[in-house]
N, C-alpha and C. Protein backbone atom coordinates (compact mmCIF):
# COMPACT_ATOMS: atom_id res chain seq x y z
N MET A 1 14.08 -0.90 -23.12
CA MET A 1 13.40 -1.12 -22.67
C MET A 1 13.44 -0.70 -21.72
N PRO A 2 11.76 -0.46 -21.13
CA PRO A 2 11.45 -0.40 -20.04
C PRO A 2 11.45 -1.91 -18.71
N LEU A 3 11.70 -1.51 -17.75
CA LEU A 3 11.71 -2.71 -16.72
C LEU A 3 9.99 -3.20 -15.93
N ASP A 4 10.10 -4.51 -16.46
CA ASP A 4 8.78 -4.82 -15.98
C ASP A 4 8.17 -4.96 -14.32
N LEU A 5 8.81 -3.88 -13.57
CA LEU A 5 8.01 -4.02 -12.01
C LEU A 5 7.34 -4.86 -11.57
N ARG A 6 5.54 -5.08 -12.59
CA ARG A 6 5.00 -5.94 -11.81
C ARG A 6 5.22 -7.37 -11.10
N PRO A 7 5.72 -8.10 -11.74
CA PRO A 7 6.37 -8.42 -10.68
C PRO A 7 6.68 -8.76 -9.64
N ILE A 8 7.54 -7.58 -9.35
CA ILE A 8 8.37 -7.55 -7.86
C ILE A 8 7.04 -6.99 -7.08
N ILE A 9 5.87 -5.94 -7.87
CA ILE A 9 5.16 -5.63 -6.77
C ILE A 9 4.72 -6.38 -5.94
N ASP A 10 4.40 -7.64 -6.66
CA ASP A 10 3.34 -8.69 -6.27
C ASP A 10 3.84 -9.26 -5.66
N GLU A 11 5.37 -9.67 -6.07
CA GLU A 11 6.07 -10.57 -5.13
C GLU A 11 5.71 -9.55 -3.83
N ILE A 12 6.15 -8.21 -3.51
CA ILE A 12 6.52 -7.74 -1.88
C ILE A 12 4.55 -7.93 -1.74
N ALA A 13 3.78 -7.37 -2.33
CA ALA A 13 2.16 -7.18 -1.90
C ALA A 13 2.19 -8.46 -0.98
N SER A 14 1.96 -9.72 -1.87
CA SER A 14 1.82 -11.22 -1.40
C SER A 14 2.56 -11.13 -0.17
N ARG A 15 4.30 -10.75 0.67
CA ARG A 15 5.25 -11.17 1.27
C ARG A 15 4.03 -9.86 2.63
N ALA A 16 3.08 -8.71 1.95
CA ALA A 16 2.58 -7.75 3.52
C ALA A 16 2.65 -8.63 4.82
N ASP A 17 1.44 -9.12 5.06
CA ASP A 17 1.49 -9.41 5.88
C ASP A 17 2.92 -9.62 7.22
N ASP A 18 3.07 -10.20 6.44
CA ASP A 18 4.87 -11.13 7.01
C ASP A 18 5.70 -9.57 7.37
N PHE A 19 6.21 -8.94 6.55
CA PHE A 19 7.05 -7.65 7.07
C PHE A 19 6.23 -6.23 7.61
N LEU A 20 5.81 -6.24 7.65
CA LEU A 20 4.27 -5.23 7.86
C LEU A 20 3.58 -5.87 9.25
N ALA A 21 3.69 -7.04 9.68
CA ALA A 21 3.29 -7.40 10.88
C ALA A 21 1.72 -6.97 11.14
N GLY A 22 0.64 -6.51 10.17
CA GLY A 22 0.10 -6.11 10.55
C GLY A 22 -0.92 -4.93 11.04
N GLY A 23 0.18 -4.13 10.36
CA GLY A 23 0.41 -2.95 10.81
C GLY A 23 -0.57 -1.95 9.91
N THR A 24 -1.70 -0.89 10.32
CA THR A 24 -2.45 -0.52 9.37
C THR A 24 -2.25 0.84 8.86
N ASP A 25 -0.70 1.88 9.54
CA ASP A 25 -0.48 2.54 9.70
C ASP A 25 -0.31 3.14 8.20
N ARG A 26 -0.44 3.49 7.50
CA ARG A 26 0.70 3.87 5.58
C ARG A 26 1.06 4.34 5.86
N ALA A 27 1.51 5.85 6.46
CA ALA A 27 3.40 6.25 6.43
C ALA A 27 3.89 4.92 6.69
N HIS A 28 4.21 4.13 8.36
CA HIS A 28 4.97 3.38 8.45
C HIS A 28 5.38 1.90 7.03
N ALA A 29 3.59 1.92 6.64
CA ALA A 29 4.03 0.15 5.50
C ALA A 29 4.18 1.15 4.29
N ARG A 30 4.85 2.12 3.95
CA ARG A 30 5.38 3.33 3.20
C ARG A 30 6.75 3.01 3.66
N ALA A 31 7.22 3.18 4.34
CA ALA A 31 8.47 3.48 4.25
C ALA A 31 9.40 2.14 4.70
N GLY A 32 8.38 1.12 5.52
CA GLY A 32 8.17 -0.23 5.21
C GLY A 32 9.25 -1.39 4.29
N ILE A 33 7.48 -0.57 3.29
CA ILE A 33 8.00 -1.03 1.98
C ILE A 33 9.26 -1.26 1.46
N ALA A 34 9.17 0.21 1.73
CA ALA A 34 10.97 1.45 0.91
C ALA A 34 11.66 0.69 1.33
N GLU A 35 11.84 0.32 2.17
CA GLU A 35 12.91 0.26 2.90
C GLU A 35 13.47 -1.31 2.91
N LEU A 36 12.14 -2.32 2.03
CA LEU A 36 11.89 -3.04 1.65
C LEU A 36 12.73 -3.36 0.23
N VAL A 37 12.14 -2.82 -0.86
CA VAL A 37 13.09 -2.87 -1.46
C VAL A 37 14.49 -2.22 -2.04
N ASN A 38 14.71 -1.26 -1.50
CA ASN A 38 15.90 -1.20 -1.09
C ASN A 38 17.11 -1.96 -0.73
N MET A 39 16.98 -3.11 0.01
CA MET A 39 17.43 -4.39 1.17
C MET A 39 17.62 -5.82 -0.33
N ASP A 40 16.30 -5.47 -0.83
CA ASP A 40 15.76 -6.94 -1.62
C ASP A 40 16.01 -6.44 -3.00
N TYR A 41 16.30 -5.36 -3.46
CA TYR A 41 16.14 -4.84 -4.88
C TYR A 41 17.44 -3.56 -5.03
N PRO A 42 18.42 -3.88 -4.98
CA PRO A 42 19.31 -2.52 -4.69
C PRO A 42 19.86 -2.44 -6.64
N GLN A 43 19.56 -3.34 -7.14
CA GLN A 43 19.54 -3.28 -8.51
C GLN A 43 18.59 -2.22 -9.53
N LEU A 44 17.47 -1.68 -8.79
CA LEU A 44 16.38 -1.03 -9.22
C LEU A 44 17.34 0.50 -9.14
N ASP A 45 16.97 1.66 -10.07
CA ASP A 45 17.16 2.71 -9.77
C ASP A 45 16.06 3.59 -8.61
N ALA A 46 16.42 4.74 -8.28
CA ALA A 46 15.23 5.65 -7.34
C ALA A 46 13.39 5.67 -7.79
N ALA A 47 13.80 5.98 -9.48
CA ALA A 47 12.71 6.00 -10.02
C ALA A 47 12.07 4.63 -9.62
N ASP A 48 12.41 3.46 -10.30
CA ASP A 48 11.88 1.73 -10.05
C ASP A 48 11.71 1.65 -9.06
N ARG A 49 12.35 2.13 -7.95
CA ARG A 49 11.82 1.55 -6.91
C ARG A 49 10.44 2.53 -6.15
N GLY A 50 10.68 4.09 -6.15
CA GLY A 50 9.30 5.06 -5.88
C GLY A 50 8.32 4.44 -6.32
N HIS A 51 8.41 3.83 -8.30
CA HIS A 51 7.19 3.12 -8.69
C HIS A 51 6.68 1.65 -7.80
N VAL A 52 7.67 0.53 -7.27
CA VAL A 52 7.83 -0.91 -6.84
C VAL A 52 6.33 0.01 -5.28
N THR A 53 7.60 0.86 -4.60
CA THR A 53 6.97 1.17 -3.44
C THR A 53 5.08 2.24 -3.79
N ALA A 54 5.08 2.81 -4.93
CA ALA A 54 3.66 3.07 -4.98
C ALA A 54 3.26 2.30 -5.47
N GLY A 55 3.45 1.20 -6.12
CA GLY A 55 2.29 -0.09 -6.99
C GLY A 55 2.04 -0.84 -6.04
N VAL A 56 3.22 -1.25 -4.91
CA VAL A 56 2.24 -2.01 -3.34
C VAL A 56 1.50 -1.53 -2.54
N MET A 57 1.58 -0.25 -2.25
CA MET A 57 0.59 0.39 -1.73
C MET A 57 -0.49 0.72 -3.09
N ALA A 58 -1.03 0.94 -3.91
CA ALA A 58 -1.74 0.39 -5.06
C ALA A 58 -2.34 -0.65 -4.66
N VAL A 59 -1.52 -1.93 -4.52
CA VAL A 59 -2.60 -3.10 -4.03
C VAL A 59 -2.92 -3.40 -2.97
N LEU A 60 -2.24 -2.81 -2.19
CA LEU A 60 -2.57 -2.82 -0.57
C LEU A 60 -4.09 -2.06 -0.07
N GLU A 61 -4.05 -1.50 -0.95
CA GLU A 61 -5.14 -0.17 -1.09
C GLU A 61 -6.73 -1.23 -1.22
N ALA A 62 -5.69 -1.75 -2.71
CA ALA A 62 -7.56 -2.16 -3.18
C ALA A 62 -7.65 -3.24 -2.23
N GLU A 63 -6.69 -3.92 -1.81
CA GLU A 63 -7.01 -5.64 -1.15
C GLU A 63 -7.54 -5.07 0.09
N ASP A 64 -7.74 -3.89 0.39
CA ASP A 64 -7.96 -3.07 2.08
C ASP A 64 -7.92 -3.81 3.10
N PHE A 65 -5.90 -3.55 2.74
CA PHE A 65 -5.41 -4.09 3.67
C PHE A 65 -5.01 -2.99 4.95
N PHE A 66 -5.27 -1.75 5.05
CA PHE A 66 -5.08 -1.06 5.98
C PHE A 66 -6.67 -0.86 6.44
N GLY A 67 -7.49 -1.43 6.14
CA GLY A 67 -8.97 -1.72 6.69
C GLY A 67 -10.20 -0.56 6.46
N THR A 68 -10.96 -0.53 6.06
CA THR A 68 -11.54 0.72 5.48
C THR A 68 -11.78 2.00 6.28
N GLU A 69 -11.52 2.91 5.94
CA GLU A 69 -11.17 3.75 6.43
C GLU A 69 -13.22 4.92 6.68
N PHE A 70 -14.25 5.39 7.75
CA PHE A 70 -15.17 5.94 7.44
C PHE A 70 -15.10 7.13 6.49
N VAL A 71 -15.99 6.85 5.91
CA VAL A 71 -16.32 8.01 5.24
C VAL A 71 -17.61 8.67 5.52
N GLY A 72 -17.39 10.05 5.46
CA GLY A 72 -18.49 11.21 5.53
C GLY A 72 -18.92 11.34 6.73
N ASN A 73 -20.06 11.89 7.77
CA ASN A 73 -20.35 12.32 8.59
C ASN A 73 -20.31 11.30 10.39
N PRO A 74 -20.26 11.03 11.10
CA PRO A 74 -20.72 9.75 11.61
C PRO A 74 -21.83 10.82 12.97
N PHE A 75 -21.92 11.39 12.71
CA PHE A 75 -23.15 12.99 13.24
C PHE A 75 -24.41 12.20 12.56
N ASP A 76 -24.67 12.28 11.58
CA ASP A 76 -25.90 13.11 10.53
C ASP A 76 -26.22 11.06 10.99
N ASP A 77 -27.60 11.38 11.05
CA ASP A 77 -28.50 9.89 11.33
C ASP A 77 -29.29 9.88 9.97
N ASP A 78 -30.59 9.25 10.02
CA ASP A 78 -31.03 8.30 8.83
C ASP A 78 -32.02 9.51 8.50
N GLU A 79 -32.72 10.51 9.55
CA GLU A 79 -33.98 11.72 9.53
C GLU A 79 -33.05 12.75 8.17
N ALA A 80 -31.97 12.86 8.10
CA ALA A 80 -31.30 13.73 6.91
C ALA A 80 -31.55 12.65 5.69
N GLU A 81 -31.80 11.55 5.35
CA GLU A 81 -32.00 10.72 4.63
C GLU A 81 -33.46 10.70 4.31
N ALA A 82 -34.33 10.91 5.35
CA ALA A 82 -35.80 11.16 4.74
C ALA A 82 -36.93 12.41 4.58
N GLU A 83 -35.79 12.91 4.56
CA GLU A 83 -36.37 14.63 4.04
C GLU A 83 -35.96 14.31 2.65
């Protein structure tokens, strides 16, 4: 029977503000999450640790933890839309 990782993912995601200290860099966040998973859940195998890390990142992305990244061309103006 596969292990239900959702409670672990939810628990870590709920503490993200504390252990990531408001950082918005995805690479550092992923590394910090992986380190936390390794320390707090050593019983998980490598595949499960990877799933937890990816799951936490997905939750944080969905919650806009990293802020909104601009999509599109910042130099476009409204004139292009009027055409």
